[in-house]
Amino acid sequence: MALLRKINQVLLFLLIVTICGILYKKVHRGTVLRNETDDDSETPEDMEDEIPVVICAAAGRMGAAMAAINSIYSNTDANILFYVVGLRNTLSRIRKWIEHSKLREINFKIVEFNPMVLKGKIRPDSARPELLQPLNFVRFYLPLLIHQHEKVIYLDDDVIVQGDIQELYDTTLALGHAAAFSDDCDLPSSQDIHRLVGLQNTYMGYLDYRKKTIKDLGISPSTCSFNPGVIVANMTEWKHQRITKQLEKWMQKNVEENLYSSSLGGGVATSPMLIVFHGKYSTINPLWHIRHLDIWGLIILELETVDCGLIFTRCPYAAKPWARLQG
């Protein structure tokens, strides 16, 4: 009888632990990203017509985000739903920027990102501290933000869109691929330019091949890299393949083993994505995303005269016209 009582107590304890674990996961999931205005009133037909675009608005880069949003809005007739992501202390500023400009006409949701989800997953690095900002990792958590949509576009805030975002959204993702990116080696002239100025466009520039963990991946260091600053993502595949969990695993490994750092070419957000998506992503038309246009001499700094014959342009933050407005 005493044995039976002990077994029942153990089973009850395991049941309580299981329930607590389920509740924790649900609460944890809900606190990563929270819509400031949760509105589930949209019909399935409305959601099918919408193009969800995720872009972050950091405190010191608000002008960059608004310029990117404006460039998208000004160059398309498509129905865009902007998910503008910020930290709690910036949410009111984001709303003010939007509602006190012509952007008040856009369809948008303001979303809070909880940086606590990154606790213990980022290795302190003083070389380029700006790359350690929490919003730099929002792209890892897209399924926790997009619940209704099958397909989503993520954009860094330092882009200016000169084409119709509908064309980017129409990018075809191969069966089994969770995302599409632009390869750094796609343009014929880009490899020569990269070699000339010493820029990295291969995995060697992002991962520390002296480490056994990196060598054991079996990825050639000369493999062409891709840039996750522009992403077309399939949310169903992302969740099915547990992409977020895989990325977090490599973040944790970096904390423990220092597998990559901001002293290398791509900082701390690109490297885990290069590992997780190696050989398992579709490609975006390279004109949608080209690195280092400033070094090519193609960027004209006055925003109203930017015209490179390309669809996207980007350059260092300090050289951007909105940096002067905020400086």
C-alpha atoms as a PDB file:
ATOM      1  CA  MET A   1       0.000   0.000   0.000  1.00  0.00           C
ATOM      2  CA  ALA A   2       2.847   2.368   0.835  1.00  0.00           C
ATOM      3  CA  LEU A   3       4.484   1.553  -2.497  1.00  0.00           C
ATOM      4  CA  LEU A   4       1.248   2.312  -4.375  1.00  0.00           C
ATOM      5  CA  ARG A   5       0.933   5.627  -2.543  1.00  0.00           C
ATOM      6  CA  LYS A   6       4.504   6.541  -3.487  1.00  0.00           C
ATOM      7  CA  ILE A   7       3.885   5.663  -7.143  1.00  0.00           C
ATOM      8  CA  ASN A   8       0.763   7.864  -7.160  1.00  0.00           C
ATOM      9  CA  GLN A   9       2.740  10.726  -5.654  1.00  0.00           C
ATOM     10  CA  VAL A  10       5.437  10.395  -8.324  1.00  0.00           C
ATOM     11  CA  LEU A  11       2.823  10.321 -11.110  1.00  0.00           C
ATOM     12  CA  LEU A  12       1.099  13.378  -9.649  1.00  0.00           C
ATOM     13  CA  PHE A  13       4.431  15.210  -9.473  1.00  0.00           C
ATOM     14  CA  LEU A  14       5.236  14.374 -13.112  1.00  0.00           C
ATOM     15  CA  LEU A  15       1.774  15.561 -14.174  1.00  0.00           C
ATOM     16  CA  ILE A  16       2.262  18.876 -12.363  1.00  0.00           C
ATOM     17  CA  VAL A  17       5.713  19.362 -13.935  1.00  0.00           C
ATOM     18  CA  THR A  18       4.305  18.633 -17.411  1.00  0.00           C
ATOM     19  CA  ILE A  19       1.466  21.129 -16.963  1.00  0.00           C
ATOM     20  CA  CYS A  20       3.879  23.778 -15.677  1.00  0.00           C
ATOM     21  CA  GLY A  21       6.147  23.186 -18.666  1.00  0.00           C
ATOM     22  CA  ILE A  22       3.265  23.645 -21.114  1.00  0.00           C
ATOM     23  CA  LEU A  23       2.108  26.820 -19.378  1.00  0.00           C
ATOM     24  CA  TYR A  24       5.662  28.206 -19.346  1.00  0.00           C
ATOM     25  CA  LYS A  25       6.109  27.618 -23.075  1.00  0.00           C
ATOM     26  CA  LYS A  26       2.820  29.374 -23.816  1.00  0.00           C
ATOM     27  CA  VAL A  27       3.662  32.369 -21.623  1.00  0.00           C
ATOM     28  CA  HIS A  28       7.249  32.510 -22.946  1.00  0.00           C
ATOM     29  CA  ARG A  29       5.998  32.423 -26.520  1.00  0.00           C
ATOM     30  CA  GLY A  30       3.588  35.251 -25.820  1.00  0.00           C
ATOM     31  CA  THR A  31       6.225  37.524 -24.323  1.00  0.00           C
ATOM     32  CA  VAL A  32       8.755  37.393 -27.153  1.00  0.00           C
ATOM     33  CA  LEU A  33       6.735  39.548 -29.502  1.00  0.00           C
ATOM     34  CA  ARG A  34       3.501  41.312 -28.604  1.00  0.00           C
ATOM     35  CA  ASN A  35       1.233  43.271 -30.887  1.00  0.00           C
ATOM     36  CA  GLU A  36       0.412  46.665 -29.419  1.00  0.00           C
ATOM     37  CA  THR A  37      -2.920  46.443 -31.193  1.00  0.00           C
ATOM     38  CA  ASP A  38      -4.022  42.816 -31.414  1.00  0.00           C
ATOM     39  CA  ASP A  39      -6.784  42.695 -33.996  1.00  0.00           C
ATOM     40  CA  ASP A  40      -8.026  39.335 -35.187  1.00  0.00           C
ATOM     41  CA  SER A  41     -10.995  40.798 -37.027  1.00  0.00           C
ATOM     42  CA  GLU A  42      -9.442  40.396 -40.470  1.00  0.00           C
ATOM     43  CA  THR A  43     -11.112  37.926 -42.790  1.00  0.00           C
ATOM     44  CA  PRO A  44      -9.148  35.204 -44.596  1.00  0.00           C
ATOM     45  CA  GLU A  45      -9.773  37.075 -47.847  1.00  0.00           C
ATOM     46  CA  ASP A  46      -8.176  40.236 -46.424  1.00  0.00           C
ATOM     47  CA  MET A  47      -5.114  38.328 -45.241  1.00  0.00           C
ATOM     48  CA  GLU A  48      -4.638  36.685 -48.650  1.00  0.00           C
ATOM     49  CA  ASP A  49      -4.436  40.134 -50.273  1.00  0.00           C
ATOM     50  CA  GLU A  50      -1.991  41.564 -47.735  1.00  0.00           C
ATOM     51  CA  ILE A  51       1.773  41.556 -48.043  1.00  0.00           C
ATOM     52  CA  PRO A  52       3.226  41.450 -44.505  1.00  0.00           C
ATOM     53  CA  VAL A  53       6.502  43.362 -44.202  1.00  0.00           C
ATOM     54  CA  VAL A  54       8.503  43.239 -40.969  1.00  0.00           C
ATOM     55  CA  ILE A  55      10.915  46.077 -40.223  1.00  0.00           C
ATOM     56  CA  CYS A  56      12.526  47.140 -36.951  1.00  0.00           C
ATOM     57  CA  ALA A  57      12.602  50.685 -35.606  1.00  0.00           C
ATOM     58  CA  ALA A  58      15.412  51.124 -33.089  1.00  0.00           C
ATOM     59  CA  ALA A  59      15.638  54.245 -30.940  1.00  0.00           C
ATOM     60  CA  GLY A  60      18.673  55.682 -32.723  1.00  0.00           C
ATOM     61  CA  ARG A  61      17.576  54.603 -36.197  1.00  0.00           C
ATOM     62  CA  MET A  62      13.943  55.682 -36.304  1.00  0.00           C
ATOM     63  CA  GLY A  63      14.510  57.862 -39.346  1.00  0.00           C
ATOM     64  CA  ALA A  64      16.073  54.957 -41.234  1.00  0.00           C
ATOM     65  CA  ALA A  65      13.065  52.733 -40.595  1.00  0.00           C
ATOM     66  CA  MET A  66      10.615  55.443 -41.662  1.00  0.00           C
ATOM     67  CA  ALA A  67      12.601  56.137 -44.837  1.00  0.00           C
ATOM     68  CA  ALA A  68      12.536  52.425 -45.682  1.00  0.00           C
ATOM     69  CA  ILE A  69       8.791  52.198 -45.014  1.00  0.00           C
ATOM     70  CA  ASN A  70       8.125  55.292 -47.095  1.00  0.00           C
ATOM     71  CA  SER A  71      10.146  53.914 -50.014  1.00  0.00           C
ATOM     72  CA  ILE A  72       8.099  50.709 -49.979  1.00  0.00           C
ATOM     73  CA  TYR A  73       4.779  52.526 -49.665  1.00  0.00           C
ATOM     74  CA  SER A  74       5.648  55.022 -52.414  1.00  0.00           C
ATOM     75  CA  ASN A  75       6.552  52.401 -55.014  1.00  0.00           C
ATOM     76  CA  THR A  76       3.652  49.968 -54.914  1.00  0.00           C
ATOM     77  CA  ASP A  77      -0.108  49.715 -55.243  1.00  0.00           C
ATOM     78  CA  ALA A  78      -0.119  46.469 -53.255  1.00  0.00           C
ATOM     79  CA  ASN A  79      -1.879  46.154 -49.911  1.00  0.00           C
ATOM     80  CA  ILE A  80       1.041  46.234 -47.458  1.00  0.00           C
ATOM     81  CA  LEU A  81       0.703  45.429 -43.763  1.00  0.00           C
ATOM     82  CA  PHE A  82       3.754  46.787 -41.956  1.00  0.00           C
ATOM     83  CA  TYR A  83       4.803  45.085 -38.739  1.00  0.00           C
ATOM     84  CA  VAL A  84       6.972  47.761 -37.119  1.00  0.00           C
ATOM     85  CA  VAL A  85       8.966  46.164 -34.305  1.00  0.00           C
ATOM     86  CA  GLY A  86      10.493  48.065 -31.398  1.00  0.00           C
ATOM     87  CA  LEU A  87      11.430  47.819 -27.749  1.00  0.00           C
ATOM     88  CA  ARG A  88       8.910  48.887 -25.102  1.00  0.00           C
ATOM     89  CA  ASN A  89      10.442  52.335 -24.558  1.00  0.00           C
ATOM     90  CA  THR A  90      10.186  53.236 -28.261  1.00  0.00           C
ATOM     91  CA  LEU A  91       6.631  52.158 -29.100  1.00  0.00           C
ATOM     92  CA  SER A  92       5.035  55.574 -28.526  1.00  0.00           C
ATOM     93  CA  ARG A  93       7.758  57.254 -30.601  1.00  0.00           C
ATOM     94  CA  ILE A  94       7.153  54.837 -33.470  1.00  0.00           C
ATOM     95  CA  ARG A  95       3.455  55.656 -33.456  1.00  0.00           C
ATOM     96  CA  LYS A  96       4.202  59.390 -33.356  1.00  0.00           C
ATOM     97  CA  TRP A  97       6.625  59.147 -36.305  1.00  0.00           C
ATOM     98  CA  ILE A  98       3.993  57.355 -38.364  1.00  0.00           C
ATOM     99  CA  GLU A  99       0.872  59.284 -37.375  1.00  0.00           C
ATOM    100  CA  HIS A 100       2.466  62.727 -37.770  1.00  0.00           C
ATOM    101  CA  SER A 101       3.604  62.198 -41.346  1.00  0.00           C
ATOM    102  CA  LYS A 102       2.159  61.030 -44.637  1.00  0.00           C
ATOM    103  CA  LEU A 103       2.818  57.502 -43.365  1.00  0.00           C
ATOM    104  CA  ARG A 104      -0.359  57.819 -41.302  1.00  0.00           C
ATOM    105  CA  GLU A 105      -2.108  56.378 -44.368  1.00  0.00           C
ATOM    106  CA  ILE A 106      -0.264  53.044 -44.179  1.00  0.00           C
ATOM    107  CA  ASN A 107      -1.694  49.839 -42.729  1.00  0.00           C
ATOM    108  CA  PHE A 108       0.524  48.946 -39.778  1.00  0.00           C
ATOM    109  CA  LYS A 109       0.854  47.151 -36.471  1.00  0.00           C
ATOM    110  CA  ILE A 110       3.358  48.145 -33.810  1.00  0.00           C
ATOM    111  CA  VAL A 111       4.956  45.146 -32.134  1.00  0.00           C
ATOM    112  CA  GLU A 112       6.971  44.979 -28.936  1.00  0.00           C
ATOM    113  CA  PHE A 113      10.053  42.752 -28.869  1.00  0.00           C
ATOM    114  CA  ASN A 114      11.049  41.395 -25.476  1.00  0.00           C
ATOM    115  CA  PRO A 115      14.872  41.290 -25.290  1.00  0.00           C
ATOM    116  CA  MET A 116      14.741  38.820 -22.393  1.00  0.00           C
ATOM    117  CA  VAL A 117      14.331  36.044 -24.944  1.00  0.00           C
ATOM    118  CA  LEU A 118      18.002  36.621 -25.835  1.00  0.00           C
ATOM    119  CA  LYS A 119      19.282  36.230 -22.278  1.00  0.00           C
ATOM    120  CA  GLY A 120      22.338  33.981 -22.238  1.00  0.00           C
ATOM    121  CA  LYS A 121      22.376  33.655 -26.030  1.00  0.00           C
ATOM    122  CA  ILE A 122      24.582  36.615 -27.010  1.00  0.00           C
ATOM    123  CA  ARG A 123      28.304  36.670 -26.391  1.00  0.00           C
ATOM    124  CA  PRO A 124      29.527  40.089 -25.192  1.00  0.00           C
ATOM    125  CA  ASP A 125      31.605  41.659 -27.950  1.00  0.00           C
ATOM    126  CA  SER A 126      33.117  45.120 -27.808  1.00  0.00           C
ATOM    127  CA  ALA A 127      34.372  45.256 -31.406  1.00  0.00           C
ATOM    128  CA  ARG A 128      30.980  46.263 -32.879  1.00  0.00           C
ATOM    129  CA  PRO A 129      28.508  46.655 -30.011  1.00  0.00           C
ATOM    130  CA  GLU A 130      25.809  48.025 -32.314  1.00  0.00           C
ATOM    131  CA  LEU A 131      25.425  44.519 -33.758  1.00  0.00           C
ATOM    132  CA  LEU A 132      24.416  43.190 -30.338  1.00  0.00           C
ATOM    133  CA  GLN A 133      21.264  45.326 -30.180  1.00  0.00           C
ATOM    134  CA  PRO A 134      18.200  43.127 -29.452  1.00  0.00           C
ATOM    135  CA  LEU A 135      16.294  44.181 -32.565  1.00  0.00           C
ATOM    136  CA  ASN A 136      19.112  42.762 -34.690  1.00  0.00           C
ATOM    137  CA  PHE A 137      17.747  39.319 -33.794  1.00  0.00           C
ATOM    138  CA  VAL A 138      14.054  39.892 -34.527  1.00  0.00           C
ATOM    139  CA  ARG A 139      14.491  38.035 -37.832  1.00  0.00           C
ATOM    140  CA  PHE A 140      15.146  34.834 -35.829  1.00  0.00           C
ATOM    141  CA  TYR A 141      11.664  34.974 -34.292  1.00  0.00           C
ATOM    142  CA  LEU A 142       9.400  35.684 -37.261  1.00  0.00           C
ATOM    143  CA  PRO A 143       6.855  32.886 -36.576  1.00  0.00           C
ATOM    144  CA  LEU A 144       6.217  34.334 -33.122  1.00  0.00           C
ATOM    145  CA  LEU A 145       5.226  37.578 -34.824  1.00  0.00           C
ATOM    146  CA  ILE A 146       3.361  36.399 -37.906  1.00  0.00           C
ATOM    147  CA  HIS A 147       0.449  34.178 -36.965  1.00  0.00           C
ATOM    148  CA  GLN A 148      -2.014  34.629 -39.813  1.00  0.00           C
ATOM    149  CA  HIS A 149       0.273  34.800 -42.833  1.00  0.00           C
ATOM    150  CA  GLU A 150       1.950  31.985 -44.718  1.00  0.00           C
ATOM    151  CA  LYS A 151       4.565  34.199 -46.346  1.00  0.00           C
ATOM    152  CA  VAL A 152       6.356  37.256 -44.989  1.00  0.00           C
ATOM    153  CA  ILE A 153       9.050  39.730 -46.003  1.00  0.00           C
ATOM    154  CA  TYR A 154      11.676  40.873 -43.509  1.00  0.00           C
ATOM    155  CA  LEU A 155      13.795  43.968 -44.268  1.00  0.00           C
ATOM    156  CA  ASP A 156      16.672  45.616 -42.449  1.00  0.00           C
ATOM    157  CA  ASP A 157      16.059  49.300 -41.738  1.00  0.00           C
ATOM    158  CA  ASP A 158      18.973  50.511 -43.910  1.00  0.00           C
ATOM    159  CA  VAL A 159      17.361  49.835 -47.278  1.00  0.00           C
ATOM    160  CA  ILE A 160      15.653  52.100 -49.773  1.00  0.00           C
ATOM    161  CA  VAL A 161      13.227  50.271 -52.042  1.00  0.00           C
ATOM    162  CA  GLN A 162      13.055  51.506 -55.634  1.00  0.00           C
ATOM    163  CA  GLY A 163      10.806  48.797 -57.065  1.00  0.00           C
ATOM    164  CA  ASP A 164       7.402  47.251 -56.422  1.00  0.00           C
ATOM    165  CA  ILE A 165       7.580  45.120 -53.269  1.00  0.00           C
ATOM    166  CA  GLN A 166       4.952  42.858 -54.848  1.00  0.00           C
ATOM    167  CA  GLU A 167       7.677  41.493 -57.134  1.00  0.00           C
ATOM    168  CA  LEU A 168       9.824  40.542 -54.147  1.00  0.00           C
ATOM    169  CA  TYR A 169       6.839  38.949 -52.426  1.00  0.00           C
ATOM    170  CA  ASP A 170       6.186  36.872 -55.556  1.00  0.00           C
ATOM    171  CA  THR A 171       9.588  35.188 -55.181  1.00  0.00           C
ATOM    172  CA  THR A 172       9.103  31.432 -55.497  1.00  0.00           C
ATOM    173  CA  LEU A 173      10.445  29.337 -52.640  1.00  0.00           C
ATOM    174  CA  ALA A 174      11.425  25.774 -53.513  1.00  0.00           C
ATOM    175  CA  LEU A 175       9.637  22.903 -51.807  1.00  0.00           C
ATOM    176  CA  GLY A 176      11.051  22.419 -48.324  1.00  0.00           C
ATOM    177  CA  HIS A 177      12.748  25.827 -48.169  1.00  0.00           C
ATOM    178  CA  ALA A 178      11.864  28.088 -45.250  1.00  0.00           C
ATOM    179  CA  ALA A 179      13.439  31.242 -46.692  1.00  0.00           C
ATOM    180  CA  ALA A 180      14.932  32.981 -49.704  1.00  0.00           C
ATOM    181  CA  PHE A 181      17.984  35.268 -49.644  1.00  0.00           C
ATOM    182  CA  SER A 182      20.202  37.110 -52.101  1.00  0.00           C
ATOM    183  CA  ASP A 183      23.587  35.471 -52.656  1.00  0.00           C
ATOM    184  CA  ASP A 184      26.583  37.758 -52.264  1.00  0.00           C
ATOM    185  CA  CYS A 185      28.181  36.338 -55.422  1.00  0.00           C
ATOM    186  CA  ASP A 186      25.198  36.569 -57.754  1.00  0.00           C
ATOM    187  CA  LEU A 187      26.271  39.628 -59.734  1.00  0.00           C
ATOM    188  CA  PRO A 188      29.198  38.860 -62.094  1.00  0.00           C
ATOM    189  CA  SER A 189      31.101  42.012 -61.156  1.00  0.00           C
ATOM    190  CA  SER A 190      30.571  41.685 -57.409  1.00  0.00           C
ATOM    191  CA  GLN A 191      33.286  39.105 -56.841  1.00  0.00           C
ATOM    192  CA  ASP A 192      35.928  41.313 -58.456  1.00  0.00           C
ATOM    193  CA  ILE A 193      34.803  44.304 -56.404  1.00  0.00           C
ATOM    194  CA  HIS A 194      34.870  42.298 -53.179  1.00  0.00           C
ATOM    195  CA  ARG A 195      38.385  41.051 -53.882  1.00  0.00           C
ATOM    196  CA  LEU A 196      39.542  44.543 -54.789  1.00  0.00           C
ATOM    197  CA  VAL A 197      38.428  46.209 -51.561  1.00  0.00           C
ATOM    198  CA  GLY A 198      38.942  43.230 -49.261  1.00  0.00           C
ATOM    199  CA  LEU A 199      35.270  42.608 -48.425  1.00  0.00           C
ATOM    200  CA  GLN A 200      34.049  39.161 -47.504  1.00  0.00           C
ATOM    201  CA  ASN A 201      31.501  37.274 -49.565  1.00  0.00           C
ATOM    202  CA  THR A 202      32.270  33.723 -48.405  1.00  0.00           C
ATOM    203  CA  TYR A 203      31.745  31.715 -45.225  1.00  0.00           C
ATOM    204  CA  MET A 204      35.393  32.287 -44.306  1.00  0.00           C
ATOM    205  CA  GLY A 205      34.519  35.890 -43.492  1.00  0.00           C
ATOM    206  CA  TYR A 206      31.828  34.913 -40.989  1.00  0.00           C
ATOM    207  CA  LEU A 207      32.904  31.728 -39.217  1.00  0.00           C
ATOM    208  CA  ASP A 208      36.074  30.871 -37.321  1.00  0.00           C
ATOM    209  CA  TYR A 209      37.419  27.869 -39.227  1.00  0.00           C
ATOM    210  CA  ARG A 210      40.074  27.324 -36.576  1.00  0.00           C
ATOM    211  CA  LYS A 211      37.348  25.899 -34.338  1.00  0.00           C
ATOM    212  CA  LYS A 212      36.596  22.171 -34.529  1.00  0.00           C
ATOM    213  CA  THR A 213      32.846  22.745 -34.299  1.00  0.00           C
ATOM    214  CA  ILE A 214      32.964  24.825 -37.492  1.00  0.00           C
ATOM    215  CA  LYS A 215      35.253  22.377 -39.302  1.00  0.00           C
ATOM    216  CA  ASP A 216      32.927  19.517 -38.413  1.00  0.00           C
ATOM    217  CA  LEU A 217      30.092  21.217 -40.313  1.00  0.00           C
ATOM    218  CA  GLY A 218      31.800  20.187 -43.546  1.00  0.00           C
ATOM    219  CA  ILE A 219      31.068  23.533 -45.202  1.00  0.00           C
ATOM    220  CA  SER A 220      33.773  24.791 -47.533  1.00  0.00           C
ATOM    221  CA  PRO A 221      35.139  28.167 -46.367  1.00  0.00           C
ATOM    222  CA  SER A 222      34.952  29.366 -49.977  1.00  0.00           C
ATOM    223  CA  THR A 223      31.168  28.829 -50.104  1.00  0.00           C
ATOM    224  CA  CYS A 224      29.406  32.014 -51.163  1.00  0.00           C
ATOM    225  CA  SER A 225      27.586  33.744 -48.329  1.00  0.00           C
ATOM    226  CA  PHE A 226      24.119  35.306 -48.420  1.00  0.00           C
ATOM    227  CA  ASN A 227      22.752  38.416 -46.744  1.00  0.00           C
ATOM    228  CA  PRO A 228      19.806  37.991 -44.333  1.00  0.00           C
ATOM    229  CA  GLY A 229      18.996  41.701 -44.420  1.00  0.00           C
ATOM    230  CA  VAL A 230      16.270  40.897 -46.969  1.00  0.00           C
ATOM    231  CA  ILE A 231      14.293  37.718 -46.373  1.00  0.00           C
ATOM    232  CA  VAL A 232      11.248  36.160 -47.997  1.00  0.00           C
ATOM    233  CA  ALA A 233      10.122  33.506 -45.521  1.00  0.00           C
ATOM    234  CA  ASN A 234       7.646  30.621 -45.498  1.00  0.00           C
ATOM    235  CA  MET A 235       6.219  30.496 -41.984  1.00  0.00           C
ATOM    236  CA  THR A 236       4.924  26.927 -42.242  1.00  0.00           C
ATOM    237  CA  GLU A 237       8.327  25.554 -43.226  1.00  0.00           C
ATOM    238  CA  TRP A 238      10.083  27.775 -40.677  1.00  0.00           C
ATOM    239  CA  LYS A 239       8.004  26.303 -37.867  1.00  0.00           C
ATOM    240  CA  HIS A 240       8.107  22.753 -39.238  1.00  0.00           C
ATOM    241  CA  GLN A 241      11.904  22.825 -39.414  1.00  0.00           C
ATOM    242  CA  ARG A 242      12.163  24.555 -36.020  1.00  0.00           C
ATOM    243  CA  ILE A 243      14.417  27.205 -37.539  1.00  0.00           C
ATOM    244  CA  THR A 244      14.202  29.465 -34.493  1.00  0.00           C
ATOM    245  CA  LYS A 245      15.343  26.650 -32.199  1.00  0.00           C
ATOM    246  CA  GLN A 246      18.232  25.836 -34.544  1.00  0.00           C
ATOM    247  CA  LEU A 247      19.348  29.465 -34.595  1.00  0.00           C
ATOM    248  CA  GLU A 248      19.169  29.670 -30.811  1.00  0.00           C
ATOM    249  CA  LYS A 249      21.273  26.514 -30.570  1.00  0.00           C
ATOM    250  CA  TRP A 250      24.069  28.111 -32.595  1.00  0.00           C
ATOM    251  CA  MET A 251      23.794  31.336 -30.620  1.00  0.00           C
ATOM    252  CA  GLN A 252      24.315  29.296 -27.459  1.00  0.00           C
ATOM    253  CA  LYS A 253      27.242  27.429 -29.007  1.00  0.00           C
ATOM    254  CA  ASN A 254      28.847  30.749 -29.880  1.00  0.00           C
ATOM    255  CA  VAL A 255      28.511  31.912 -26.287  1.00  0.00           C
ATOM    256  CA  GLU A 256      30.299  28.748 -25.180  1.00  0.00           C
ATOM    257  CA  GLU A 257      32.921  28.397 -27.942  1.00  0.00           C
ATOM    258  CA  ASN A 258      33.255  31.807 -29.651  1.00  0.00           C
ATOM    259  CA  LEU A 259      32.594  30.404 -33.135  1.00  0.00           C
ATOM    260  CA  TYR A 260      32.051  33.779 -34.735  1.00  0.00           C
ATOM    261  CA  SER A 261      32.327  37.395 -33.672  1.00  0.00           C
ATOM    262  CA  SER A 262      31.765  40.903 -34.934  1.00  0.00           C
ATOM    263  CA  SER A 263      35.477  41.139 -35.705  1.00  0.00           C
ATOM    264  CA  LEU A 264      34.701  38.877 -38.655  1.00  0.00           C
ATOM    265  CA  GLY A 265      32.778  40.085 -41.694  1.00  0.00           C
ATOM    266  CA  GLY A 266      29.162  39.654 -40.719  1.00  0.00           C
ATOM    267  CA  GLY A 267      28.839  40.122 -37.017  1.00  0.00           C
ATOM    268  CA  VAL A 268      26.620  37.986 -34.833  1.00  0.00           C
ATOM    269  CA  ALA A 269      23.272  37.713 -36.637  1.00  0.00           C
ATOM    270  CA  THR A 270      24.375  36.585 -40.084  1.00  0.00           C
ATOM    271  CA  SER A 271      26.652  33.750 -38.964  1.00  0.00           C
ATOM    272  CA  PRO A 272      24.062  31.439 -37.330  1.00  0.00           C
ATOM    273  CA  MET A 273      21.774  31.905 -40.326  1.00  0.00           C
ATOM    274  CA  LEU A 274      24.580  30.911 -42.692  1.00  0.00           C
ATOM    275  CA  ILE A 275      24.964  27.683 -40.723  1.00  0.00           C
ATOM    276  CA  VAL A 276      21.284  26.814 -40.345  1.00  0.00           C
ATOM    277  CA  PHE A 277      20.287  27.648 -43.937  1.00  0.00           C
ATOM    278  CA  HIS A 278      23.378  26.260 -45.690  1.00  0.00           C
ATOM    279  CA  GLY A 279      22.199  24.498 -48.859  1.00  0.00           C
ATOM    280  CA  LYS A 280      18.557  24.893 -47.830  1.00  0.00           C
ATOM    281  CA  TYR A 281      17.338  28.228 -49.150  1.00  0.00           C
ATOM    282  CA  SER A 282      15.925  29.709 -52.333  1.00  0.00           C
ATOM    283  CA  THR A 283      17.403  32.749 -54.043  1.00  0.00           C
ATOM    284  CA  ILE A 284      16.072  36.241 -54.522  1.00  0.00           C
ATOM    285  CA  ASN A 285      16.708  38.226 -57.678  1.00  0.00           C
ATOM    286  CA  PRO A 286      20.117  39.772 -56.873  1.00  0.00           C
ATOM    287  CA  LEU A 287      18.915  43.239 -57.880  1.00  0.00           C
ATOM    288  CA  TRP A 288      16.703  43.174 -54.803  1.00  0.00           C
ATOM    289  CA  HIS A 289      19.639  43.228 -52.439  1.00  0.00           C
ATOM    290  CA  ILE A 290      23.226  44.203 -53.131  1.00  0.00           C
ATOM    291  CA  ARG A 291      25.840  44.797 -50.474  1.00  0.00           C
ATOM    292  CA  HIS A 292      28.352  47.640 -50.306  1.00  0.00           C
ATOM    293  CA  LEU A 293      26.909  49.890 -52.990  1.00  0.00           C
ATOM    294  CA  ASP A 294      28.588  52.793 -51.235  1.00  0.00           C
ATOM    295  CA  ILE A 295      31.987  51.273 -51.940  1.00  0.00           C
ATOM    296  CA  TRP A 296      31.016  50.757 -55.557  1.00  0.00           C
ATOM    297  CA  GLY A 297      30.458  54.523 -55.787  1.00  0.00           C
ATOM    298  CA  LEU A 298      26.829  54.037 -56.755  1.00  0.00           C
ATOM    299  CA  ILE A 299      25.137  55.718 -53.796  1.00  0.00           C
ATOM    300  CA  ILE A 300      24.101  59.355 -54.192  1.00  0.00           C
ATOM    301  CA  LEU A 301      23.556  60.690 -50.711  1.00  0.00           C
ATOM    302  CA  GLU A 302      20.618  62.983 -51.419  1.00  0.00           C
ATOM    303  CA  LEU A 303      17.572  60.761 -50.992  1.00  0.00           C
ATOM    304  CA  GLU A 304      15.485  62.392 -53.695  1.00  0.00           C
ATOM    305  CA  THR A 305      18.181  61.783 -56.329  1.00  0.00           C
ATOM    306  CA  VAL A 306      19.019  58.149 -55.517  1.00  0.00           C
ATOM    307  CA  ASP A 307      18.772  56.241 -58.780  1.00  0.00           C
ATOM    308  CA  CYS A 308      21.170  53.385 -59.344  1.00  0.00           C
ATOM    309  CA  GLY A 309      19.085  51.408 -61.800  1.00  0.00           C
ATOM    310  CA  LEU A 310      18.641  48.904 -58.955  1.00  0.00           C
ATOM    311  CA  ILE A 311      15.694  47.869 -56.839  1.00  0.00           C
ATOM    312  CA  PHE A 312      17.337  48.154 -53.427  1.00  0.00           C
ATOM    313  CA  THR A 313      20.118  50.438 -52.262  1.00  0.00           C
ATOM    314  CA  ARG A 314      21.946  50.539 -48.955  1.00  0.00           C
ATOM    315  CA  CYS A 315      24.996  52.248 -47.488  1.00  0.00           C
ATOM    316  CA  PRO A 316      26.639  52.799 -44.089  1.00  0.00           C
ATOM    317  CA  TYR A 317      24.314  54.400 -41.557  1.00  0.00           C
ATOM    318  CA  ALA A 318      26.540  57.432 -40.977  1.00  0.00           C
ATOM    319  CA  ALA A 319      26.337  58.326 -44.671  1.00  0.00           C
ATOM    320  CA  LYS A 320      22.555  58.182 -44.891  1.00  0.00           C
ATOM    321  CA  PRO A 321      20.544  61.415 -45.175  1.00  0.00           C
ATOM    322  CA  TRP A 322      18.279  60.447 -42.237  1.00  0.00           C
ATOM    323  CA  ALA A 323      21.386  60.077 -40.048  1.00  0.00           C
ATOM    324  CA  ARG A 324      22.009  63.783 -40.518  1.00  0.00           C
ATOM    325  CA  LEU A 325      18.416  64.523 -39.450  1.00  0.00           C
ATOM    326  CA  GLN A 326      18.847  62.536 -36.241  1.00  0.00           C
ATOM    327  CA  GLY A 327      22.450  63.488 -35.553  1.00  0.00           C
END
